[in-house]
Amino acid sequence: VKVSVNGQRKQDYVRTAYSKGLGKNKVMYRHVLRNSLIPVITIFG
């Protein structure tokens, strides 16, 4: 999760979300975390 989240936070869509005025928690849990879950789902399986 740590590696995946750090990787997603550097993506362009994160900067776009912040530029739209979204708060830090919304960006983190609605966008970044969701896109970071693929490797986590593999581990869970």
All heavy atoms as atom14 arrays in JSON, in Angstrom:
{
  "sequence": "VKVSVNGQRKQDYVRTAYSKGLGKNKVMYRHVLRNSLIPVITIFG",
  "atom14_mask": [
    [1, 1, 1, 1, 1, 1, 1, 0, 0, 0, 0, 0, 0, 0],
    [1, 1, 1, 1, 1, 1, 1, 1, 1, 0, 0, 0, 0, 0],
    [1, 1, 1, 1, 1, 1, 1, 0, 0, 0, 0, 0, 0, 0],
    [1, 1, 1, 1, 1, 1, 0, 0, 0, 0, 0, 0, 0, 0],
    [1, 1, 1, 1, 1, 1, 1, 0, 0, 0, 0, 0, 0, 0],
    [1, 1, 1, 1, 1, 1, 1, 1, 0, 0, 0, 0, 0, 0],
    [1, 1, 1, 1, 0, 0, 0, 0, 0, 0, 0, 0, 0, 0],
    [1, 1, 1, 1, 1, 1, 1, 1, 1, 0, 0, 0, 0, 0],
    [1, 1, 1, 1, 1, 1, 1, 1, 1, 1, 1, 0, 0, 0],
    [1, 1, 1, 1, 1, 1, 1, 1, 1, 0, 0, 0, 0, 0],
    [1, 1, 1, 1, 1, 1, 1, 1, 1, 0, 0, 0, 0, 0],
    [1, 1, 1, 1, 1, 1, 1, 1, 0, 0, 0, 0, 0, 0],
    [1, 1, 1, 1, 1, 1, 1, 1, 1, 1, 1, 1, 0, 0],
    [1, 1, 1, 1, 1, 1, 1, 0, 0, 0, 0, 0, 0, 0],
    [1, 1, 1, 1, 1, 1, 1, 1, 1, 1, 1, 0, 0, 0],
    [1, 1, 1, 1, 1, 1, 1, 0, 0, 0, 0, 0, 0, 0],
    [1, 1, 1, 1, 1, 0, 0, 0, 0, 0, 0, 0, 0, 0],
    [1, 1, 1, 1, 1, 1, 1, 1, 1, 1, 1, 1, 0, 0],
    [1, 1, 1, 1, 1, 1, 0, 0, 0, 0, 0, 0, 0, 0],
    [1, 1, 1, 1, 1, 1, 1, 1, 1, 0, 0, 0, 0, 0],
    [1, 1, 1, 1, 0, 0, 0, 0, 0, 0, 0, 0, 0, 0],
    [1, 1, 1, 1, 1, 1, 1, 1, 0, 0, 0, 0, 0, 0],
    [1, 1, 1, 1, 0, 0, 0, 0, 0, 0, 0, 0, 0, 0],
    [1, 1, 1, 1, 1, 1, 1, 1, 1, 0, 0, 0, 0, 0],
    [1, 1, 1, 1, 1, 1, 1, 1, 0, 0, 0, 0, 0, 0],
    [1, 1, 1, 1, 1, 1, 1, 1, 1, 0, 0, 0, 0, 0],
    [1, 1, 1, 1, 1, 1, 1, 0, 0, 0, 0, 0, 0, 0],
    [1, 1, 1, 1, 1, 1, 1, 1, 0, 0, 0, 0, 0, 0],
    [1, 1, 1, 1, 1, 1, 1, 1, 1, 1, 1, 1, 0, 0],
    [1, 1, 1, 1, 1, 1, 1, 1, 1, 1, 1, 0, 0, 0],
    [1, 1, 1, 1, 1, 1, 1, 1, 1, 1, 0, 0, 0, 0],
    [1, 1, 1, 1, 1, 1, 1, 0, 0, 0, 0, 0, 0, 0],
    [1, 1, 1, 1, 1, 1, 1, 1, 0, 0, 0, 0, 0, 0],
    [1, 1, 1, 1, 1, 1, 1, 1, 1, 1, 1, 0, 0, 0],
    [1, 1, 1, 1, 1, 1, 1, 1, 0, 0, 0, 0, 0, 0],
    [1, 1, 1, 1, 1, 1, 0, 0, 0, 0, 0, 0, 0, 0],
    [1, 1, 1, 1, 1, 1, 1, 1, 0, 0, 0, 0, 0, 0],
    [1, 1, 1, 1, 1, 1, 1, 1, 0, 0, 0, 0, 0, 0],
    [1, 1, 1, 1, 1, 1, 1, 0, 0, 0, 0, 0, 0, 0],
    [1, 1, 1, 1, 1, 1, 1, 0, 0, 0, 0, 0, 0, 0],
    [1, 1, 1, 1, 1, 1, 1, 1, 0, 0, 0, 0, 0, 0],
    [1, 1, 1, 1, 1, 1, 1, 0, 0, 0, 0, 0, 0, 0],
    [1, 1, 1, 1, 1, 1, 1, 1, 0, 0, 0, 0, 0, 0],
    [1, 1, 1, 1, 1, 1, 1, 1, 1, 1, 1, 0, 0, 0],
    [1, 1, 1, 1, 0, 0, 0, 0, 0, 0, 0, 0, 0, 0]
  ],
  "atom14_positions": [
    [[0.84, -1.2, 0.0], [0.0, 0.0, 0.0], [0.87, 1.25, 0.0], [0.61, 2.21, -0.75], [-0.94, 0.0, 1.22], [-1.63, 1.36, 1.38], [-1.99, -1.09, 1.08], [0.0, 0.0, 0.0], [0.0, 0.0, 0.0], [0.0, 0.0, 0.0], [0.0, 0.0, 0.0], [0.0, 0.0, 0.0], [0.0, 0.0, 0.0], [0.0, 0.0, 0.0]],
    [[1.89, 1.26, 0.83], [2.77, 2.43, 0.9], [3.43, 2.72, -0.44], [3.42, 3.87, -0.91], [3.84, 2.2, 1.98], [4.81, 3.35, 2.12], [5.9, 3.05, 3.13], [6.93, 4.17, 3.18], [8.03, 3.89, 4.12], [0.0, 0.0, 0.0], [0.0, 0.0, 0.0], [0.0, 0.0, 0.0], [0.0, 0.0, 0.0], [0.0, 0.0, 0.0]],
    [[4.01, 1.7, -1.06], [4.68, 1.89, -2.35], [3.69, 2.32, -3.42], [3.95, 3.22, -4.23], [5.42, 0.6, -2.76], [5.97, 0.72, -4.17], [6.56, 0.3, -1.78], [0.0, 0.0, 0.0], [0.0, 0.0, 0.0], [0.0, 0.0, 0.0], [0.0, 0.0, 0.0], [0.0, 0.0, 0.0], [0.0, 0.0, 0.0], [0.0, 0.0, 0.0]],
    [[2.53, 1.67, -3.44], [1.53, 1.96, -4.48], [0.96, 3.36, -4.32], [0.79, 4.09, -5.31], [0.42, 0.91, -4.42], [-0.49, 1.09, -5.48], [0.0, 0.0, 0.0], [0.0, 0.0, 0.0], [0.0, 0.0, 0.0], [0.0, 0.0, 0.0], [0.0, 0.0, 0.0], [0.0, 0.0, 0.0], [0.0, 0.0, 0.0], [0.0, 0.0, 0.0]],
    [[0.66, 3.74, -3.08], [0.11, 5.09, -2.83], [1.13, 6.16, -3.2], [0.79, 7.17, -3.84], [-0.33, 5.23, -1.36], [-0.6, 6.69, -1.02], [-1.57, 4.41, -1.1], [0.0, 0.0, 0.0], [0.0, 0.0, 0.0], [0.0, 0.0, 0.0], [0.0, 0.0, 0.0], [0.0, 0.0, 0.0], [0.0, 0.0, 0.0], [0.0, 0.0, 0.0]],
    [[2.38, 5.97, -2.81], [3.42, 6.95, -3.17], [3.57, 7.07, -4.68], [3.82, 8.17, -5.2], [4.76, 6.55, -2.54], [4.82, 6.9, -1.06], [4.17, 7.83, -0.6], [5.62, 6.16, -0.31], [0.0, 0.0, 0.0], [0.0, 0.0, 0.0], [0.0, 0.0, 0.0], [0.0, 0.0, 0.0], [0.0, 0.0, 0.0], [0.0, 0.0, 0.0]],
    [[3.43, 5.96, -5.39], [3.51, 6.0, -6.84], [2.33, 6.74, -7.46], [2.5, 7.52, -8.4], [0.0, 0.0, 0.0], [0.0, 0.0, 0.0], [0.0, 0.0, 0.0], [0.0, 0.0, 0.0], [0.0, 0.0, 0.0], [0.0, 0.0, 0.0], [0.0, 0.0, 0.0], [0.0, 0.0, 0.0], [0.0, 0.0, 0.0], [0.0, 0.0, 0.0]],
    [[1.12, 6.5, -6.94], [-0.07, 7.15, -7.48], [-0.11, 8.64, -7.19], [-0.64, 9.41, -8.0], [-1.33, 6.48, -6.9], [-1.58, 5.08, -7.39], [-1.88, 5.01, -8.86], [-2.53, 5.88, -9.42], [-1.39, 3.95, -9.51], [0.0, 0.0, 0.0], [0.0, 0.0, 0.0], [0.0, 0.0, 0.0], [0.0, 0.0, 0.0], [0.0, 0.0, 0.0]],
    [[0.46, 9.05, -6.08], [0.43, 10.48, -5.72], [1.25, 11.33, -6.68], [1.08, 12.55, -6.72], [0.95, 10.66, -4.29], [0.0, 10.12, -3.24], [0.64, 10.11, -1.87], [0.92, 11.44, -1.39], [1.53, 11.7, -0.23], [1.94, 10.7, 0.52], [1.72, 12.94, 0.15], [0.0, 0.0, 0.0], [0.0, 0.0, 0.0], [0.0, 0.0, 0.0]],
    [[2.12, 10.71, -7.45], [2.94, 11.46, -8.42], [2.27, 11.57, -9.78], [2.83, 12.2, -10.69], [4.3, 10.77, -8.56], [5.1, 10.7, -7.27], [6.39, 9.93, -7.47], [7.17, 9.8, -6.17], [8.42, 8.99, -6.34], [0.0, 0.0, 0.0], [0.0, 0.0, 0.0], [0.0, 0.0, 0.0], [0.0, 0.0, 0.0], [0.0, 0.0, 0.0]],
    [[1.09, 10.96, -9.94], [0.41, 10.97, -11.23], [-0.26, 12.32, -11.49], [-0.58, 13.09, -10.57], [-0.63, 9.86, -11.28], [-0.05, 8.45, -11.09], [0.93, 8.08, -12.19], [0.7, 8.36, -13.37], [2.03, 7.45, -11.8], [0.0, 0.0, 0.0], [0.0, 0.0, 0.0], [0.0, 0.0, 0.0], [0.0, 0.0, 0.0], [0.0, 0.0, 0.0]],
    [[-0.52, 12.58, -12.77], [-1.09, 13.86, -13.17], [-2.51, 14.06, -12.63], [-2.91, 15.19, -12.31], [-1.11, 13.98, -14.69], [0.31, 14.09, -15.28], [1.21, 14.51, -14.53], [0.49, 13.74, -16.46], [0.0, 0.0, 0.0], [0.0, 0.0, 0.0], [0.0, 0.0, 0.0], [0.0, 0.0, 0.0], [0.0, 0.0, 0.0], [0.0, 0.0, 0.0]],
    [[-3.27, 12.98, -12.53], [-4.67, 13.14, -12.1], [-4.77, 13.63, -10.66], [-5.77, 14.24, -10.27], [-5.44, 11.83, -12.27], [-5.13, 10.76, -11.26], [-5.81, 10.71, -10.04], [-4.17, 9.8, -11.5], [-5.53, 9.73, -9.11], [-3.88, 8.82, -10.58], [-4.57, 8.78, -9.38], [-4.29, 7.81, -8.46], [0.0, 0.0, 0.0], [0.0, 0.0, 0.0]],
    [[-3.74, 13.38, -9.87], [-3.74, 13.87, -8.49], [-3.59, 15.39, -8.47], [-4.31, 16.09, -7.74], [-2.62, 13.19, -7.67], [-2.54, 13.77, -6.25], [-2.85, 11.69, -7.59], [0.0, 0.0, 0.0], [0.0, 0.0, 0.0], [0.0, 0.0, 0.0], [0.0, 0.0, 0.0], [0.0, 0.0, 0.0], [0.0, 0.0, 0.0], [0.0, 0.0, 0.0]],
    [[-2.67, 15.9, -9.27], [-2.52, 17.35, -9.36], [-3.78, 18.0, -9.91], [-4.18, 19.09, -9.47], [-1.32, 17.69, -10.25], [0.02, 17.37, -9.61], [1.17, 17.98, -10.4], [1.33, 17.32, -11.69], [2.11, 16.25, -11.88], [2.78, 15.73, -10.87], [2.2, 15.71, -13.08], [0.0, 0.0, 0.0], [0.0, 0.0, 0.0], [0.0, 0.0, 0.0]],
    [[-4.42, 17.31, -10.85], [-5.67, 17.85, -11.4], [-6.76, 17.89, -10.33], [-7.52, 18.87, -10.24], [-6.15, 16.96, -12.58], [-5.13, 16.92, -13.58], [-7.43, 17.52, -13.17], [0.0, 0.0, 0.0], [0.0, 0.0, 0.0], [0.0, 0.0, 0.0], [0.0, 0.0, 0.0], [0.0, 0.0, 0.0], [0.0, 0.0, 0.0], [0.0, 0.0, 0.0]],
    [[-6.83, 16.86, -9.51], [-7.83, 16.82, -8.44], [-7.61, 17.94, -7.44], [-8.55, 18.61, -7.0], [-7.78, 15.46, -7.73], [0.0, 0.0, 0.0], [0.0, 0.0, 0.0], [0.0, 0.0, 0.0], [0.0, 0.0, 0.0], [0.0, 0.0, 0.0], [0.0, 0.0, 0.0], [0.0, 0.0, 0.0], [0.0, 0.0, 0.0], [0.0, 0.0, 0.0]],
    [[-6.35, 18.19, -7.09], [-6.05, 19.29, -6.17], [-6.38, 20.64, -6.8], [-6.86, 21.57, -6.12], [-4.58, 19.26, -5.76], [-4.27, 18.26, -4.66], [-3.32, 17.26, -4.86], [-4.92, 18.32, -3.43], [-3.03, 16.34, -3.87], [-4.64, 17.41, -2.43], [-3.69, 16.42, -2.65], [-3.41, 15.51, -1.66], [0.0, 0.0, 0.0], [0.0, 0.0, 0.0]],
    [[-6.13, 20.77, -8.1], [-6.41, 22.04, -8.78], [-7.9, 22.34, -8.85], [-8.31, 23.49, -8.99], [-5.82, 22.01, -10.2], [-6.5, 21.07, -11.01], [0.0, 0.0, 0.0], [0.0, 0.0, 0.0], [0.0, 0.0, 0.0], [0.0, 0.0, 0.0], [0.0, 0.0, 0.0], [0.0, 0.0, 0.0], [0.0, 0.0, 0.0], [0.0, 0.0, 0.0]],
    [[-8.73, 21.27, -8.76], [-10.18, 21.47, -8.75], [-10.7, 21.87, -7.38], [-11.89, 22.13, -7.22], [-10.87, 20.17, -9.18], [-10.68, 19.84, -10.66], [-11.43, 18.56, -11.01], [-11.28, 18.22, -12.48], [-12.0, 16.97, -12.84], [0.0, 0.0, 0.0], [0.0, 0.0, 0.0], [0.0, 0.0, 0.0], [0.0, 0.0, 0.0], [0.0, 0.0, 0.0]],
    [[-9.82, 21.9, -6.4], [-10.21, 22.32, -5.07], [-10.6, 21.19, -4.14], [-11.14, 21.45, -3.04], [0.0, 0.0, 0.0], [0.0, 0.0, 0.0], [0.0, 0.0, 0.0], [0.0, 0.0, 0.0], [0.0, 0.0, 0.0], [0.0, 0.0, 0.0], [0.0, 0.0, 0.0], [0.0, 0.0, 0.0], [0.0, 0.0, 0.0], [0.0, 0.0, 0.0]],
    [[-10.35, 19.95, -4.53], [-10.69, 18.83, -3.66], [-9.74, 18.79, -2.46], [-8.55, 19.09, -2.57], [-10.59, 17.51, -4.43], [-11.6, 17.31, -5.56], [-11.37, 15.95, -6.23], [-13.03, 17.4, -5.04], [0.0, 0.0, 0.0], [0.0, 0.0, 0.0], [0.0, 0.0, 0.0], [0.0, 0.0, 0.0], [0.0, 0.0, 0.0], [0.0, 0.0, 0.0]],
    [[-10.28, 18.4, -1.32], [-9.47, 18.31, -0.11], [-8.53, 17.12, -0.14], [-8.66, 16.2, -0.95], [0.0, 0.0, 0.0], [0.0, 0.0, 0.0], [0.0, 0.0, 0.0], [0.0, 0.0, 0.0], [0.0, 0.0, 0.0], [0.0, 0.0, 0.0], [0.0, 0.0, 0.0], [0.0, 0.0, 0.0], [0.0, 0.0, 0.0], [0.0, 0.0, 0.0]],
    [[-7.58, 17.13, 0.79], [-6.55, 16.09, 0.83], [-7.15, 14.71, 1.08], [-6.77, 13.73, 0.44], [-5.54, 16.43, 1.93], [-4.41, 15.44, 2.06], [-3.45, 15.88, 3.15], [-2.33, 14.88, 3.29], [-1.37, 15.27, 4.36], [0.0, 0.0, 0.0], [0.0, 0.0, 0.0], [0.0, 0.0, 0.0], [0.0, 0.0, 0.0], [0.0, 0.0, 0.0]],
    [[-8.1, 14.63, 2.01], [-8.7, 13.33, 2.32], [-9.5, 12.78, 1.15], [-9.49, 11.57, 0.88], [-9.6, 13.45, 3.56], [-8.79, 13.64, 4.83], [-7.62, 13.24, 4.9], [-9.4, 14.25, 5.83], [0.0, 0.0, 0.0], [0.0, 0.0, 0.0], [0.0, 0.0, 0.0], [0.0, 0.0, 0.0], [0.0, 0.0, 0.0], [0.0, 0.0, 0.0]],
    [[-10.23, 13.64, 0.46], [-11.01, 13.19, -0.7], [-10.09, 12.68, -1.8], [-10.37, 11.65, -2.43], [-11.88, 14.33, -1.22], [-13.13, 14.59, -0.39], [-14.04, 15.57, -1.08], [-15.34, 15.76, -0.28], [-16.26, 16.71, -0.96], [0.0, 0.0, 0.0], [0.0, 0.0, 0.0], [0.0, 0.0, 0.0], [0.0, 0.0, 0.0], [0.0, 0.0, 0.0]],
    [[-9.01, 13.39, -2.05], [-8.07, 12.96, -3.08], [-7.44, 11.62, -2.7], [-7.31, 10.71, -3.53], [-6.98, 14.02, -3.29], [-5.9, 13.5, -4.25], [-7.58, 15.3, -3.83], [0.0, 0.0, 0.0], [0.0, 0.0, 0.0], [0.0, 0.0, 0.0], [0.0, 0.0, 0.0], [0.0, 0.0, 0.0], [0.0, 0.0, 0.0], [0.0, 0.0, 0.0]],
    [[-7.08, 11.5, -1.41], [-6.39, 10.3, -0.96], [-7.31, 9.09, -1.01], [-6.96, 8.05, -1.57], [-5.87, 10.5, 0.46], [-5.21, 9.27, 1.08], [-3.74, 8.71, 0.19], [-2.6, 10.04, 0.64], [0.0, 0.0, 0.0], [0.0, 0.0, 0.0], [0.0, 0.0, 0.0], [0.0, 0.0, 0.0], [0.0, 0.0, 0.0], [0.0, 0.0, 0.0]],
    [[-8.49, 9.18, -0.41], [-9.33, 7.99, -0.23], [-10.28, 7.75, -1.41], [-10.71, 6.61, -1.61], [-10.14, 8.12, 1.07], [-9.25, 8.05, 2.29], [-8.88, 9.21, 2.96], [-8.76, 6.84, 2.75], [-8.05, 9.15, 4.08], [-7.93, 6.77, 3.86], [-7.58, 7.93, 4.52], [-6.75, 7.87, 5.62], [0.0, 0.0, 0.0], [0.0, 0.0, 0.0]],
    [[-10.61, 8.78, -2.17], [-11.53, 8.57, -3.28], [-10.79, 8.25, -4.58], [-11.32, 7.52, -5.43], [-12.4, 9.81, -3.5], [-13.44, 9.65, -4.6], [-14.33, 10.87, -4.72], [-15.1, 11.11, -3.51], [-15.95, 12.15, -3.36], [-16.1, 13.02, -4.36], [-16.63, 12.3, -2.25], [0.0, 0.0, 0.0], [0.0, 0.0, 0.0], [0.0, 0.0, 0.0]],
    [[-9.6, 8.76, -4.74], [-8.87, 8.59, -6.0], [-7.59, 7.77, -5.83], [-7.42, 6.73, -6.48], [-8.54, 9.96, -6.6], [-9.74, 10.78, -6.93], [-10.54, 10.53, -8.02], [-10.31, 11.86, -6.29], [-11.55, 11.41, -8.06], [-11.42, 12.22, -7.02], [0.0, 0.0, 0.0], [0.0, 0.0, 0.0], [0.0, 0.0, 0.0], [0.0, 0.0, 0.0]],
    [[-6.69, 8.25, -5.0], [-5.38, 7.61, -4.88], [-5.5, 6.18, -4.35], [-4.93, 5.24, -4.91], [-4.45, 8.45, -3.97], [-3.13, 7.7, -3.73], [-4.17, 9.8, -4.6], [0.0, 0.0, 0.0], [0.0, 0.0, 0.0], [0.0, 0.0, 0.0], [0.0, 0.0, 0.0], [0.0, 0.0, 0.0], [0.0, 0.0, 0.0], [0.0, 0.0, 0.0]],
    [[-6.24, 6.01, -3.25], [-6.34, 4.7, -2.62], [-7.02, 3.69, -3.55], [-6.58, 2.53, -3.65], [-7.09, 4.79, -1.3], [-7.23, 3.48, -0.52], [-5.85, 2.91, -0.2], [-8.02, 3.69, 0.76], [0.0, 0.0, 0.0], [0.0, 0.0, 0.0], [0.0, 0.0, 0.0], [0.0, 0.0, 0.0], [0.0, 0.0, 0.0], [0.0, 0.0, 0.0]],
    [[-8.05, 4.12, -4.23], [-8.76, 3.2, -5.12], [-7.85, 2.7, -6.23], [-7.86, 1.52, -6.57], [-9.98, 3.89, -5.72], [-10.79, 2.99, -6.62], [-12.1, 3.61, -7.01], [-12.89, 2.71, -7.83], [-14.12, 2.96, -8.26], [-14.71, 4.1, -7.93], [-14.77, 2.09, -9.01], [0.0, 0.0, 0.0], [0.0, 0.0, 0.0], [0.0, 0.0, 0.0]],
    [[-7.05, 3.6, -6.79], [-6.13, 3.19, -7.85], [-4.93, 2.41, -7.32], [-4.17, 1.84, -8.11], [-5.64, 4.41, -8.63], [-6.74, 5.05, -9.47], [-7.64, 4.36, -9.95], [-6.69, 6.36, -9.62], [0.0, 0.0, 0.0], [0.0, 0.0, 0.0], [0.0, 0.0, 0.0], [0.0, 0.0, 0.0], [0.0, 0.0, 0.0], [0.0, 0.0, 0.0]],
    [[-4.75, 2.41, -6.01], [-3.63, 1.69, -5.4], [-4.01, 0.3, -4.93], [-3.15, -0.43, -4.42], [-3.08, 2.49, -4.2], [-2.72, 3.8, -4.57], [0.0, 0.0, 0.0], [0.0, 0.0, 0.0], [0.0, 0.0, 0.0], [0.0, 0.0, 0.0], [0.0, 0.0, 0.0], [0.0, 0.0, 0.0], [0.0, 0.0, 0.0], [0.0, 0.0, 0.0]],
    [[-5.27, -0.07, -5.09], [-5.75, -1.31, -4.49], [-5.46, -2.57, -5.3], [-5.63, -3.67, -4.78], [-7.27, -1.21, -4.25], [-7.71, -0.33, -3.08], [-9.23, -0.33, -2.97], [-7.09, -0.81, -1.77], [0.0, 0.0, 0.0], [0.0, 0.0, 0.0], [0.0, 0.0, 0.0], [0.0, 0.0, 0.0], [0.0, 0.0, 0.0], [0.0, 0.0, 0.0]],
    [[-5.07, -2.42, -6.57], [-4.86, -3.6, -7.41], [-3.83, -4.56, -6.81], [-4.12, -5.76, -6.65], [-4.48, -3.2, -8.85], [-5.65, -2.46, -9.52], [-4.1, -4.43, -9.65], [-6.91, -3.29, -9.63], [0.0, 0.0, 0.0], [0.0, 0.0, 0.0], [0.0, 0.0, 0.0], [0.0, 0.0, 0.0], [0.0, 0.0, 0.0], [0.0, 0.0, 0.0]],
    [[-2.63, -4.1, -6.46], [-1.68, -5.04, -5.84], [-2.15, -5.56, -4.49], [-1.85, -6.7, -4.12], [-0.39, -4.22, -5.71], [-0.81, -2.8, -5.76], [-2.01, -2.78, -6.65], [0.0, 0.0, 0.0], [0.0, 0.0, 0.0], [0.0, 0.0, 0.0], [0.0, 0.0, 0.0], [0.0, 0.0, 0.0], [0.0, 0.0, 0.0], [0.0, 0.0, 0.0]],
    [[-2.9, -4.73, -3.76], [-3.42, -5.15, -2.45], [-4.45, -6.26, -2.61], [-4.46, -7.23, -1.84], [-4.04, -3.95, -1.71], [-4.61, -4.39, -0.36], [-3.01, -2.86, -1.5], [0.0, 0.0, 0.0], [0.0, 0.0, 0.0], [0.0, 0.0, 0.0], [0.0, 0.0, 0.0], [0.0, 0.0, 0.0], [0.0, 0.0, 0.0], [0.0, 0.0, 0.0]],
    [[-5.3, -6.15, -3.63], [-6.3, -7.19, -3.88], [-5.62, -8.51, -4.22], [-6.07, -9.58, -3.8], [-7.23, -6.75, -5.03], [-8.09, -5.55, -4.58], [-8.15, -7.89, -5.45], [-8.87, -4.91, -5.7], [0.0, 0.0, 0.0], [0.0, 0.0, 0.0], [0.0, 0.0, 0.0], [0.0, 0.0, 0.0], [0.0, 0.0, 0.0], [0.0, 0.0, 0.0]],
    [[-4.51, -8.43, -4.96], [-3.76, -9.65, -5.29], [-3.25, -10.33, -4.02], [-3.37, -11.54, -3.86], [-2.58, -9.3, -6.2], [-3.05, -8.64, -7.38], [-1.83, -10.56, -6.61], [0.0, 0.0, 0.0], [0.0, 0.0, 0.0], [0.0, 0.0, 0.0], [0.0, 0.0, 0.0], [0.0, 0.0, 0.0], [0.0, 0.0, 0.0], [0.0, 0.0, 0.0]],
    [[-2.69, -9.53, -3.11], [-2.19, -10.07, -1.85], [-3.33, -10.67, -1.03], [-3.19, -11.75, -0.43], [-1.48, -8.97, -1.04], [-0.23, -8.5, -1.78], [-1.1, -9.48, 0.34], [0.8, -9.58, -2.0], [0.0, 0.0, 0.0], [0.0, 0.0, 0.0], [0.0, 0.0, 0.0], [0.0, 0.0, 0.0], [0.0, 0.0, 0.0], [0.0, 0.0, 0.0]],
    [[-4.48, -10.02, -1.04], [-5.63, -10.52, -0.29], [-6.1, -11.85, -0.86], [-6.48, -12.76, -0.1], [-6.78, -9.5, -0.31], [-6.83, -8.66, 0.92], [-5.93, -7.64, 1.12], [-7.78, -8.9, 1.89], [-5.97, -6.87, 2.26], [-7.83, -8.13, 3.04], [-6.92, -7.11, 3.23], [0.0, 0.0, 0.0], [0.0, 0.0, 0.0], [0.0, 0.0, 0.0]],
    [[-6.11, -11.97, -2.18], [-6.52, -13.23, -2.79], [-5.59, -14.36, -2.42], [-6.03, -15.47, -2.09], [0.0, 0.0, 0.0], [0.0, 0.0, 0.0], [0.0, 0.0, 0.0], [0.0, 0.0, 0.0], [0.0, 0.0, 0.0], [0.0, 0.0, 0.0], [0.0, 0.0, 0.0], [0.0, 0.0, 0.0], [0.0, 0.0, 0.0], [0.0, 0.0, 0.0]]
  ]
}
